[in-house]
């Protein structure tokens, strides 16, 4: 199998994204990635992150891209988690991504970097690391209208995004 085909196979399962580290683990040199960018087969999204050109976009691409660009221990955070789940009618201008390490590389303006608290609970949704949804809803209390958060709890519960214990805890916290 050709190297580019291996890159495509791995990228398709990751929102069309491939990192330099992933490529190197397949035996692809950085020089090859640069050449494929010149040929229009890949688009460079950020430091060490590329997207294959023939990838069909999904509604989660922006979030997966933001987490990939920030790096290893990055996770989608705050209201951006609600936006990814299409809950509470939020549409933040910037995608919040949390990390516990220092990020020195230049990030696109549409990504907002936040400090990840130690021991923060995280989940994985559709292959994207993110803050625990129940925790997000609790932290948005006072920032978003209570009715929207109640609706988010109901929608998330109905769609199976919250565990039964989390639904009970949230209803108790919101005195419902």
N, C-alpha and C. Protein backbone atom coordinates (compact mmCIF):
# COMPACT_ATOMS: atom_id res chain seq x y z
N UNK A 1 0.86 -1.18 0.00
CA UNK A 1 0.00 0.00 0.00
C UNK A 1 0.90 1.24 0.00
N UNK A 2 0.57 2.19 -0.84
CA UNK A 2 1.34 3.42 -0.94
C UNK A 2 1.22 4.22 0.36
N UNK A 3 2.25 5.01 0.66
CA UNK A 3 2.26 5.79 1.90
C UNK A 3 1.07 6.74 1.98
N UNK A 4 0.75 7.40 0.86
CA UNK A 4 -0.37 8.34 0.89
C UNK A 4 -1.68 7.61 1.20
N UNK A 5 -1.84 6.40 0.68
CA UNK A 5 -3.04 5.61 0.97
C UNK A 5 -3.12 5.26 2.46
N UNK A 6 -1.98 4.98 3.07
CA UNK A 6 -1.95 4.70 4.51
C UNK A 6 -2.35 5.94 5.31
N UNK A 7 -1.85 7.09 4.87
CA UNK A 7 -2.21 8.36 5.51
C UNK A 7 -3.73 8.57 5.42
N UNK A 8 -4.27 8.36 4.24
CA UNK A 8 -5.70 8.55 4.03
C UNK A 8 -6.52 7.61 4.89
N UNK A 9 -6.10 6.36 4.95
CA UNK A 9 -6.83 5.37 5.74
C UNK A 9 -6.90 5.79 7.21
N UNK A 10 -5.79 6.26 7.73
CA UNK A 10 -5.77 6.69 9.14
C UNK A 10 -6.55 7.99 9.32
N UNK A 11 -6.42 8.91 8.39
CA UNK A 11 -7.08 10.21 8.50
C UNK A 11 -8.60 10.12 8.41
N UNK A 12 -9.10 9.22 7.58
CA UNK A 12 -10.55 9.11 7.40
C UNK A 12 -11.23 8.81 8.73
N UNK A 13 -10.61 8.00 9.57
CA UNK A 13 -11.19 7.69 10.87
C UNK A 13 -10.97 8.76 11.91
N UNK A 14 -10.33 9.87 11.51
CA UNK A 14 -10.02 10.94 12.45
C UNK A 14 -10.40 12.30 11.84
N UNK A 15 -11.59 12.39 11.30
CA UNK A 15 -12.09 13.64 10.73
C UNK A 15 -11.19 14.20 9.63
N UNK A 16 -10.54 13.32 8.91
CA UNK A 16 -9.67 13.73 7.81
C UNK A 16 -8.35 14.31 8.28
N UNK A 17 -8.06 14.20 9.58
CA UNK A 17 -6.86 14.81 10.15
C UNK A 17 -5.73 13.79 10.30
N UNK A 18 -4.54 14.27 10.08
CA UNK A 18 -3.33 13.47 10.31
C UNK A 18 -2.29 14.39 10.93
N UNK A 19 -1.63 13.92 11.97
CA UNK A 19 -0.57 14.72 12.59
C UNK A 19 0.78 14.23 12.09
N UNK A 20 1.77 15.05 12.26
CA UNK A 20 3.13 14.67 11.86
C UNK A 20 3.56 13.41 12.60
N UNK A 21 3.23 13.33 13.88
CA UNK A 21 3.59 12.15 14.67
C UNK A 21 2.91 10.89 14.15
N UNK A 22 1.61 11.00 13.79
CA UNK A 22 0.89 9.86 13.22
C UNK A 22 1.54 9.42 11.92
N UNK A 23 1.88 10.40 11.08
CA UNK A 23 2.49 10.11 9.79
C UNK A 23 3.84 9.42 9.97
N UNK A 24 4.63 9.92 10.90
CA UNK A 24 5.95 9.33 11.15
C UNK A 24 5.83 7.89 11.65
N UNK A 25 4.79 7.60 12.43
CA UNK A 25 4.60 6.23 12.91
C UNK A 25 4.26 5.28 11.77
N UNK A 26 3.76 5.83 10.65
CA UNK A 26 3.47 5.02 9.46
C UNK A 26 4.66 4.95 8.52
N UNK A 27 5.74 5.62 8.88
CA UNK A 27 6.93 5.62 8.03
C UNK A 27 6.98 6.75 7.02
N UNK A 28 6.12 7.74 7.18
CA UNK A 28 6.08 8.89 6.27
C UNK A 28 7.01 9.97 6.80
N UNK A 29 7.81 10.52 5.92
CA UNK A 29 8.73 11.59 6.32
C UNK A 29 8.02 12.95 6.23
N UNK A 30 8.50 13.90 7.01
CA UNK A 30 7.94 15.26 6.98
C UNK A 30 8.06 15.85 5.58
N UNK A 31 9.13 15.52 4.91
CA UNK A 31 9.36 15.99 3.55
C UNK A 31 8.21 15.57 2.62
N UNK A 32 7.71 14.33 2.83
CA UNK A 32 6.58 13.84 2.03
C UNK A 32 5.32 14.64 2.31
N UNK A 33 5.09 14.97 3.58
CA UNK A 33 3.92 15.77 3.94
C UNK A 33 3.96 17.13 3.25
N UNK A 34 5.13 17.77 3.27
CA UNK A 34 5.31 19.07 2.62
C UNK A 34 5.03 18.95 1.12
N UNK A 35 5.52 17.89 0.51
CA UNK A 35 5.30 17.67 -0.92
C UNK A 35 3.82 17.49 -1.23
N UNK A 36 3.10 16.73 -0.39
CA UNK A 36 1.67 16.52 -0.61
C UNK A 36 0.87 17.81 -0.41
N UNK A 37 1.36 18.68 0.45
CA UNK A 37 0.71 20.00 0.60
C UNK A 37 0.89 20.78 -0.70
N UNK A 38 2.10 20.77 -1.27
CA UNK A 38 2.36 21.48 -2.53
C UNK A 38 1.52 20.93 -3.67
N UNK A 39 1.28 19.62 -3.66
CA UNK A 39 0.49 18.99 -4.72
C UNK A 39 -1.02 19.15 -4.49
N UNK A 40 -1.41 19.68 -3.34
CA UNK A 40 -2.83 19.89 -3.06
C UNK A 40 -3.53 18.67 -2.50
N UNK A 41 -2.80 17.66 -2.09
CA UNK A 41 -3.40 16.46 -1.51
C UNK A 41 -3.71 16.66 -0.03
N UNK A 42 -2.92 17.49 0.65
CA UNK A 42 -3.11 17.80 2.07
C UNK A 42 -3.20 19.30 2.25
N UNK A 43 -3.89 19.72 3.30
CA UNK A 43 -3.93 21.13 3.70
C UNK A 43 -3.32 21.22 5.08
N UNK A 44 -2.38 22.12 5.25
CA UNK A 44 -1.78 22.32 6.57
C UNK A 44 -2.72 23.20 7.39
N UNK A 45 -3.15 22.69 8.54
CA UNK A 45 -4.10 23.41 9.40
C UNK A 45 -3.41 24.16 10.53
N UNK A 46 -2.30 23.63 10.96
CA UNK A 46 -1.55 24.21 12.06
C UNK A 46 -0.26 23.44 12.21
N UNK A 47 0.51 23.81 13.21
CA UNK A 47 1.80 23.16 13.44
C UNK A 47 1.62 21.66 13.62
N UNK A 48 2.06 20.88 12.64
CA UNK A 48 2.01 19.43 12.73
C UNK A 48 0.66 18.80 12.51
N UNK A 49 -0.33 19.54 11.98
CA UNK A 49 -1.67 19.00 11.75
C UNK A 49 -2.08 19.28 10.31
N UNK A 50 -2.55 18.21 9.63
CA UNK A 50 -2.94 18.31 8.22
C UNK A 50 -4.31 17.66 8.03
N UNK A 51 -5.00 18.06 6.96
CA UNK A 51 -6.27 17.42 6.58
C UNK A 51 -6.13 16.95 5.15
N UNK A 52 -6.61 15.73 4.89
CA UNK A 52 -6.61 15.26 3.51
C UNK A 52 -7.67 16.02 2.73
N UNK A 53 -7.40 16.31 1.48
CA UNK A 53 -8.27 17.18 0.69
C UNK A 53 -9.59 16.52 0.29
N UNK A 54 -9.61 15.24 0.08
CA UNK A 54 -10.84 14.60 -0.41
C UNK A 54 -11.73 14.09 0.73
N UNK A 55 -11.60 14.66 1.89
CA UNK A 55 -12.40 14.28 3.06
C UNK A 55 -13.76 14.98 3.00
N UNK A 56 -14.83 14.23 3.29
CA UNK A 56 -16.17 14.82 3.34
C UNK A 56 -16.41 15.37 4.74
N UNK A 57 -16.69 16.66 4.86
CA UNK A 57 -16.82 17.29 6.19
C UNK A 57 -18.02 16.78 6.99
N UNK A 58 -17.89 16.88 8.32
CA UNK A 58 -18.98 16.55 9.24
C UNK A 58 -19.20 17.74 10.17
N UNK A 59 -20.21 17.66 10.98
CA UNK A 59 -20.52 18.74 11.90
C UNK A 59 -19.52 18.86 13.05
N UNK A 60 -18.68 17.84 13.25
CA UNK A 60 -17.75 17.85 14.36
C UNK A 60 -16.32 18.23 13.96
N UNK A 61 -16.08 18.51 12.70
CA UNK A 61 -14.73 18.77 12.20
C UNK A 61 -14.03 19.90 12.94
N UNK A 62 -14.72 21.01 13.13
CA UNK A 62 -14.11 22.19 13.76
C UNK A 62 -13.59 21.85 15.16
N UNK A 63 -14.34 21.04 15.89
CA UNK A 63 -13.96 20.68 17.26
C UNK A 63 -12.77 19.71 17.25
N UNK A 64 -12.82 18.72 16.37
CA UNK A 64 -11.71 17.77 16.26
C UNK A 64 -10.44 18.49 15.83
N UNK A 65 -10.58 19.43 14.90
CA UNK A 65 -9.44 20.21 14.41
C UNK A 65 -8.82 21.04 15.54
N UNK A 66 -9.66 21.70 16.32
CA UNK A 66 -9.16 22.54 17.42
C UNK A 66 -8.37 21.71 18.42
N UNK A 67 -8.89 20.55 18.80
CA UNK A 67 -8.21 19.69 19.77
C UNK A 67 -6.90 19.18 19.18
N UNK A 68 -6.91 18.79 17.91
CA UNK A 68 -5.69 18.29 17.26
C UNK A 68 -4.62 19.37 17.17
N UNK A 69 -5.01 20.59 16.86
CA UNK A 69 -4.04 21.68 16.71
C UNK A 69 -3.38 22.00 18.05
N UNK A 70 -4.15 21.99 19.14
CA UNK A 70 -3.57 22.31 20.45
C UNK A 70 -2.60 21.22 20.89
N UNK A 71 -2.92 19.97 20.64
CA UNK A 71 -1.94 18.92 20.90
C UNK A 71 -2.39 17.80 21.81
N UNK A 72 -1.40 17.07 22.31
CA UNK A 72 -1.59 15.78 22.99
C UNK A 72 -2.68 15.72 24.04
N UNK A 73 -2.58 16.45 25.11
CA UNK A 73 -3.54 16.29 26.20
C UNK A 73 -4.71 17.26 26.11
N UNK A 74 -4.93 17.83 24.95
CA UNK A 74 -5.99 18.83 24.76
C UNK A 74 -7.38 18.19 24.80
N UNK A 75 -8.35 18.99 25.26
CA UNK A 75 -9.73 18.55 25.30
C UNK A 75 -10.64 19.75 25.05
N UNK A 76 -11.73 19.52 24.36
CA UNK A 76 -12.73 20.56 24.14
C UNK A 76 -13.30 20.94 25.50
N UNK A 77 -13.60 22.24 25.71
CA UNK A 77 -13.94 22.70 27.05
C UNK A 77 -15.09 23.69 27.05
N UNK A 78 -15.77 23.77 28.17
CA UNK A 78 -16.78 24.79 28.44
C UNK A 78 -17.94 24.79 27.46
N UNK A 79 -18.36 26.00 27.10
CA UNK A 79 -19.51 26.16 26.22
C UNK A 79 -19.31 25.49 24.87
N UNK A 80 -18.06 25.29 24.48
CA UNK A 80 -17.79 24.62 23.20
C UNK A 80 -18.30 23.18 23.22
N UNK A 81 -18.30 22.56 24.40
CA UNK A 81 -18.84 21.20 24.52
C UNK A 81 -20.35 21.23 24.28
N UNK A 82 -21.01 22.23 24.85
CA UNK A 82 -22.45 22.39 24.62
C UNK A 82 -22.73 22.63 23.13
N UNK A 83 -21.91 23.46 22.51
CA UNK A 83 -22.09 23.75 21.08
C UNK A 83 -21.90 22.49 20.23
N UNK A 84 -20.88 21.69 20.56
CA UNK A 84 -20.64 20.45 19.82
C UNK A 84 -21.84 19.52 19.91
N UNK A 85 -22.45 19.46 21.08
CA UNK A 85 -23.63 18.60 21.29
C UNK A 85 -24.92 19.28 20.83
N UNK A 86 -24.82 20.50 20.37
CA UNK A 86 -25.99 21.28 19.93
C UNK A 86 -27.01 21.40 21.07
N UNK A 87 -26.52 21.84 22.23
CA UNK A 87 -27.35 22.00 23.42
C UNK A 87 -27.34 23.46 23.89
N UNK A 88 -28.39 23.88 24.55
CA UNK A 88 -28.51 25.18 25.22
C UNK A 88 -28.39 26.36 24.26
N UNK A 89 -28.54 26.13 22.99
CA UNK A 89 -28.52 27.19 21.97
C UNK A 89 -27.31 28.12 22.12
N UNK A 90 -26.13 27.54 22.27
CA UNK A 90 -24.90 28.33 22.36
C UNK A 90 -24.14 28.22 21.05
N UNK A 91 -23.44 29.29 20.71
CA UNK A 91 -22.61 29.32 19.51
C UNK A 91 -21.43 30.26 19.77
N UNK A 92 -20.46 29.79 20.57
CA UNK A 92 -19.34 30.66 20.92
C UNK A 92 -18.53 31.07 19.69
N UNK A 93 -17.99 32.28 19.73
CA UNK A 93 -17.17 32.77 18.62
C UNK A 93 -15.88 31.98 18.48
N UNK A 94 -15.34 31.56 19.61
CA UNK A 94 -14.08 30.81 19.62
C UNK A 94 -14.30 29.45 20.26
N UNK A 95 -13.58 28.47 19.78
CA UNK A 95 -13.66 27.12 20.34
C UNK A 95 -12.70 27.05 21.52
N UNK A 96 -13.24 26.72 22.69
CA UNK A 96 -12.41 26.61 23.89
C UNK A 96 -11.78 25.23 23.96
N UNK A 97 -10.47 25.22 24.11
CA UNK A 97 -9.72 23.98 24.24
C UNK A 97 -8.83 24.11 25.48
N UNK A 98 -8.90 23.09 26.35
CA UNK A 98 -8.12 23.12 27.57
C UNK A 98 -6.93 22.17 27.45
N UNK A 99 -5.86 22.56 28.10
CA UNK A 99 -4.67 21.72 28.18
C UNK A 99 -3.98 21.99 29.50
N UNK A 100 -3.29 20.99 29.99
CA UNK A 100 -2.57 21.14 31.24
C UNK A 100 -1.11 21.52 31.04
N UNK A 101 -0.70 21.67 29.81
CA UNK A 101 0.70 22.01 29.53
C UNK A 101 0.79 23.36 28.85
N UNK A 102 2.00 23.86 28.79
CA UNK A 102 2.24 25.14 28.14
C UNK A 102 2.26 24.94 26.62
N UNK A 103 1.56 25.81 25.91
CA UNK A 103 1.51 25.73 24.44
C UNK A 103 2.25 26.94 23.89
N UNK A 104 3.33 26.68 23.18
CA UNK A 104 4.14 27.77 22.65
C UNK A 104 3.86 28.09 21.20
N UNK A 105 3.25 27.14 20.50
CA UNK A 105 3.01 27.37 19.08
C UNK A 105 1.88 28.37 18.87
N UNK A 106 1.92 29.03 17.75
CA UNK A 106 0.88 29.99 17.40
C UNK A 106 -0.40 29.23 17.06
N UNK A 107 -1.50 29.66 17.65
CA UNK A 107 -2.79 29.04 17.41
C UNK A 107 -3.66 29.95 16.55
N UNK A 108 -4.56 29.38 15.77
CA UNK A 108 -5.50 30.21 15.01
C UNK A 108 -6.34 31.06 15.97
N UNK A 109 -6.81 32.19 15.50
CA UNK A 109 -7.56 33.11 16.35
C UNK A 109 -8.89 32.53 16.83
N UNK A 110 -9.41 31.54 16.12
CA UNK A 110 -10.71 30.97 16.49
C UNK A 110 -10.61 29.93 17.61
N UNK A 111 -9.40 29.67 18.09
CA UNK A 111 -9.20 28.75 19.22
C UNK A 111 -8.85 29.56 20.46
N UNK A 112 -9.58 29.32 21.53
CA UNK A 112 -9.29 29.96 22.82
C UNK A 112 -8.71 28.90 23.76
N UNK A 113 -7.50 29.12 24.20
CA UNK A 113 -6.82 28.18 25.07
C UNK A 113 -7.17 28.48 26.53
N UNK A 114 -7.55 27.45 27.27
CA UNK A 114 -7.84 27.61 28.70
C UNK A 114 -7.02 26.58 29.48
N UNK A 115 -6.77 26.87 30.74
CA UNK A 115 -5.99 25.98 31.61
C UNK A 115 -6.89 24.85 32.08
N UNK A 116 -6.41 23.63 31.90
CA UNK A 116 -7.18 22.47 32.34
C UNK A 116 -6.89 22.24 33.83
N UNK A 117 -7.94 22.22 34.66
CA UNK A 117 -7.73 21.96 36.08
C UNK A 117 -7.24 20.53 36.30
N UNK A 118 -6.41 20.34 37.30
CA UNK A 118 -5.94 18.99 37.62
C UNK A 118 -7.10 18.13 38.05
N UNK A 119 -7.12 16.90 37.59
CA UNK A 119 -8.15 15.96 37.96
C UNK A 119 -9.50 16.23 37.32
N UNK A 120 -9.54 17.06 36.27
CA UNK A 120 -10.80 17.37 35.60
C UNK A 120 -11.35 16.11 34.92
N UNK A 121 -12.66 15.94 35.01
CA UNK A 121 -13.26 14.75 34.39
C UNK A 121 -13.48 15.01 32.91
N UNK A 122 -13.06 14.05 32.11
CA UNK A 122 -13.16 14.16 30.65
C UNK A 122 -13.90 12.96 30.09
N UNK A 123 -14.47 13.17 28.94
CA UNK A 123 -15.14 12.12 28.18
C UNK A 123 -14.60 12.14 26.77
N UNK A 124 -15.01 11.17 25.99
CA UNK A 124 -14.69 11.16 24.56
C UNK A 124 -16.02 11.03 23.84
N UNK A 125 -16.29 11.97 22.94
CA UNK A 125 -17.52 11.95 22.15
C UNK A 125 -17.15 11.94 20.69
N UNK A 126 -17.59 10.93 19.97
CA UNK A 126 -17.29 10.80 18.54
C UNK A 126 -15.79 10.92 18.27
N UNK A 127 -14.98 10.39 19.19
CA UNK A 127 -13.53 10.41 19.02
C UNK A 127 -12.85 11.71 19.43
N UNK A 128 -13.61 12.65 19.98
CA UNK A 128 -13.07 13.95 20.38
C UNK A 128 -13.05 14.03 21.90
N UNK A 129 -11.87 14.26 22.46
CA UNK A 129 -11.75 14.41 23.91
C UNK A 129 -12.42 15.71 24.33
N UNK A 130 -13.24 15.64 25.39
CA UNK A 130 -13.95 16.84 25.84
C UNK A 130 -14.23 16.76 27.34
N UNK A 131 -14.53 17.91 27.88
CA UNK A 131 -14.90 18.00 29.29
C UNK A 131 -16.21 17.24 29.49
N UNK A 132 -16.36 16.63 30.65
CA UNK A 132 -17.58 15.91 30.99
C UNK A 132 -18.77 16.84 30.86
N UNK A 133 -19.80 16.40 30.14
CA UNK A 133 -20.96 17.24 29.84
C UNK A 133 -21.70 17.69 31.10
N UNK A 134 -21.88 16.82 32.06
CA UNK A 134 -22.56 17.20 33.30
C UNK A 134 -21.79 18.32 34.00
N UNK A 135 -20.48 18.21 34.00
CA UNK A 135 -19.63 19.23 34.63
C UNK A 135 -19.78 20.57 33.88
N UNK A 136 -19.86 20.52 32.56
CA UNK A 136 -20.02 21.74 31.75
C UNK A 136 -21.33 22.43 32.12
N UNK A 137 -22.39 21.65 32.20
CA UNK A 137 -23.71 22.22 32.52
C UNK A 137 -23.66 22.90 33.89
N UNK A 138 -23.03 22.24 34.86
CA UNK A 138 -22.90 22.85 36.19
C UNK A 138 -22.10 24.15 36.14
N UNK A 139 -21.00 24.14 35.40
CA UNK A 139 -20.14 25.33 35.33
C UNK A 139 -20.78 26.48 34.56
N UNK A 140 -21.76 26.19 33.73
CA UNK A 140 -22.43 27.24 32.96
C UNK A 140 -23.57 27.88 33.74
N UNK A 141 -23.84 27.36 34.94
CA UNK A 141 -24.87 27.97 35.78
C UNK A 141 -24.44 29.39 36.11
N UNK A 142 -25.31 30.35 35.86
CA UNK A 142 -24.98 31.75 36.09
C UNK A 142 -24.46 32.44 34.83
N UNK A 143 -23.96 31.69 33.88
CA UNK A 143 -23.48 32.25 32.61
C UNK A 143 -24.56 32.18 31.53
N UNK A 144 -25.35 31.10 31.59
CA UNK A 144 -26.41 30.88 30.61
C UNK A 144 -27.75 30.89 31.33
N UNK A 145 -28.80 31.18 30.57
CA UNK A 145 -30.14 31.19 31.15
C UNK A 145 -30.48 29.81 31.72
N UNK A 146 -31.08 29.80 32.90
CA UNK A 146 -31.43 28.55 33.56
C UNK A 146 -32.34 27.69 32.70
N UNK A 147 -33.28 28.31 32.00
CA UNK A 147 -34.20 27.55 31.15
C UNK A 147 -33.44 26.81 30.05
N UNK A 148 -32.41 27.44 29.52
CA UNK A 148 -31.60 26.78 28.48
C UNK A 148 -30.84 25.59 29.06
N UNK A 149 -30.34 25.74 30.27
CA UNK A 149 -29.63 24.63 30.91
C UNK A 149 -30.59 23.50 31.25
N UNK A 150 -31.82 23.83 31.67
CA UNK A 150 -32.82 22.79 31.93
C UNK A 150 -33.10 22.04 30.62
N UNK A 151 -33.25 22.78 29.54
CA UNK A 151 -33.47 22.17 28.23
C UNK A 151 -32.29 21.30 27.81
N UNK A 152 -31.08 21.76 28.12
CA UNK A 152 -29.88 20.98 27.79
C UNK A 152 -29.86 19.67 28.56
N UNK A 153 -30.26 19.71 29.83
CA UNK A 153 -30.30 18.48 30.63
C UNK A 153 -31.31 17.51 30.03
N UNK A 154 -32.49 18.02 29.70
CA UNK A 154 -33.54 17.16 29.13
C UNK A 154 -33.11 16.58 27.79
N UNK A 155 -32.58 17.43 26.90
CA UNK A 155 -32.14 16.96 25.57
C UNK A 155 -31.01 15.94 25.69
N UNK A 156 -30.02 16.25 26.53
CA UNK A 156 -28.88 15.35 26.69
C UNK A 156 -29.32 14.02 27.28
N UNK A 157 -30.25 14.05 28.21
CA UNK A 157 -30.75 12.83 28.81
C UNK A 157 -31.49 11.99 27.76
N UNK A 158 -32.34 12.63 26.99
CA UNK A 158 -33.12 11.96 25.95
C UNK A 158 -32.20 11.34 24.88
N UNK A 159 -31.10 12.01 24.56
CA UNK A 159 -30.18 11.53 23.52
C UNK A 159 -29.11 10.59 24.07
N UNK A 160 -29.14 10.32 25.38
CA UNK A 160 -28.20 9.38 25.97
C UNK A 160 -26.80 9.96 26.18
N UNK A 161 -26.69 11.27 26.27
CA UNK A 161 -25.39 11.92 26.46
C UNK A 161 -25.00 12.00 27.93
N UNK A 162 -25.97 11.81 28.82
CA UNK A 162 -25.71 11.85 30.27
C UNK A 162 -26.05 10.49 30.87
N UNK A 163 -25.27 10.09 31.86
CA UNK A 163 -25.57 8.86 32.59
C UNK A 163 -26.73 9.14 33.55
N UNK A 164 -27.44 8.12 33.96
CA UNK A 164 -28.62 8.33 34.82
C UNK A 164 -28.24 9.02 36.13
N UNK A 165 -27.11 8.67 36.71
CA UNK A 165 -26.66 9.32 37.94
C UNK A 165 -26.37 10.80 37.72
N UNK A 166 -25.87 11.13 36.53
CA UNK A 166 -25.59 12.54 36.22
C UNK A 166 -26.88 13.33 36.06
N UNK A 167 -27.89 12.73 35.45
CA UNK A 167 -29.18 13.40 35.29
C UNK A 167 -29.78 13.69 36.66
N UNK A 168 -29.75 12.70 37.54
CA UNK A 168 -30.28 12.90 38.89
C UNK A 168 -29.52 13.99 39.63
N UNK A 169 -28.20 13.97 39.53
CA UNK A 169 -27.37 14.97 40.21
C UNK A 169 -27.67 16.37 39.67
N UNK A 170 -27.79 16.50 38.36
CA UNK A 170 -28.07 17.82 37.76
C UNK A 170 -29.46 18.31 38.16
N UNK A 171 -30.45 17.43 38.14
CA UNK A 171 -31.79 17.84 38.55
C UNK A 171 -31.81 18.27 40.01
N UNK A 172 -31.04 17.59 40.84
CA UNK A 172 -30.94 17.97 42.26
C UNK A 172 -30.25 19.33 42.39
N UNK A 173 -29.16 19.54 41.66
CA UNK A 173 -28.43 20.81 41.71
C UNK A 173 -29.29 21.98 41.24
N UNK A 174 -30.11 21.73 40.23
CA UNK A 174 -30.97 22.78 39.69
C UNK A 174 -32.34 22.80 40.36
N UNK A 175 -32.48 21.99 41.42
CA UNK A 175 -33.72 21.93 42.20
C UNK A 175 -34.94 21.70 41.31
N UNK A 176 -34.87 20.64 40.51
CA UNK A 176 -35.96 20.29 39.60
C UNK A 176 -36.65 19.03 40.09
